[in-house]
Amino acid sequence: MPTRDLPYAVLFQEIVPNLNEPDEDGWATGDCPYCGDIGSFRANLKTGRWLCLPPTGRGASAEGALGQ
């Protein structure tokens, strides 16, 4: 997917350096910069929405949106 179609790609890659390639909807996964859980952070590189989904029993989830 071209970077021009992913306006939040550069920003999220600075916060989460190990983000994987996004799926067709723009969602990419990486290690959470907030709770530290491996692979629990998801960011939509198209919309700026993000969330942390730690494994069950390892804390609360969090979510937000950039640019709003």
Protein backbone atom coordinates (compact mmCIF):
# COMPACT_ATOMS: atom_id res chain seq x y z
CA MET A 1 0.00 0.00 0.00
CA PRO A 2 1.55 3.36 -0.99
CA THR A 3 2.59 5.67 1.87
CA ARG A 4 0.45 8.49 0.42
CA ASP A 5 -2.59 6.32 1.26
CA LEU A 6 -1.40 5.98 4.87
CA PRO A 7 -1.17 9.51 6.32
CA TYR A 8 -0.34 8.31 9.85
CA ALA A 9 2.33 5.76 8.86
CA VAL A 10 5.38 7.90 9.66
CA LEU A 11 3.98 9.06 12.98
CA PHE A 12 3.08 5.58 14.23
CA GLN A 13 6.40 4.14 13.03
CA GLU A 14 8.19 6.68 15.23
CA ILE A 15 6.11 5.62 18.24
CA VAL A 16 6.13 1.87 17.46
CA PRO A 17 9.28 1.10 15.42
CA ASN A 18 8.38 -2.56 14.91
CA LEU A 19 4.97 -2.00 13.25
CA ASN A 20 4.25 -4.65 10.65
CA GLU A 21 2.83 -3.97 7.20
CA PRO A 22 -0.79 -2.82 7.36
CA ASP A 23 -3.67 -4.96 6.13
CA GLU A 24 -6.02 -3.79 3.37
CA ASP A 25 -7.97 -1.69 5.89
CA GLY A 26 -4.83 0.09 7.13
CA TRP A 27 -4.37 -1.75 10.47
CA ALA A 28 -0.81 -2.56 11.55
CA THR A 29 0.36 -4.38 14.70
CA GLY A 30 3.39 -3.94 16.93
CA ASP A 31 4.61 -3.89 20.52
CA CYS A 32 2.65 -1.52 22.74
CA PRO A 33 4.61 1.60 23.78
CA TYR A 34 2.27 2.08 26.76
CA CYS A 35 1.96 -1.32 28.44
CA GLY A 36 4.96 -3.03 26.82
CA ASP A 37 3.05 -6.13 25.69
CA ILE A 38 4.43 -7.73 22.55
CA GLY A 39 2.11 -7.46 19.57
CA SER A 40 -0.78 -5.91 21.50
CA PHE A 41 -0.72 -2.45 19.85
CA ARG A 42 -2.82 -1.89 16.74
CA ALA A 43 -2.83 1.32 14.71
CA ASN A 44 -4.87 2.29 11.69
CA LEU A 45 -2.44 4.08 9.42
CA LYS A 46 -5.31 5.51 7.35
CA THR A 47 -7.49 6.98 10.11
CA GLY A 48 -5.16 7.53 13.08
CA ARG A 49 -7.18 5.28 15.40
CA TRP A 50 -5.18 3.06 17.72
CA LEU A 51 -5.78 0.55 20.47
CA CYS A 52 -3.93 -1.70 22.85
CA LEU A 53 -5.34 -5.16 23.42
CA PRO A 54 -3.19 -6.87 26.05
CA PRO A 55 -3.80 -10.56 26.68
CA THR A 56 -6.67 -11.36 29.04
CA GLY A 57 -5.76 -10.77 32.67
CA ARG A 58 -2.83 -8.45 31.88
CA GLY A 59 -4.45 -5.05 32.38
CA ALA A 60 -7.05 -2.87 30.77
CA SER A 61 -7.29 -2.08 27.09
CA ALA A 62 -6.90 1.45 25.78
CA GLU A 63 -7.83 3.21 22.57
CA GLY A 64 -7.74 6.63 20.99
CA ALA A 65 -7.62 8.64 17.81
CA LEU A 66 -5.05 11.06 16.52
CA GLY A 67 -5.95 14.34 14.89
CA GLN A 68 -9.36 14.73 16.53
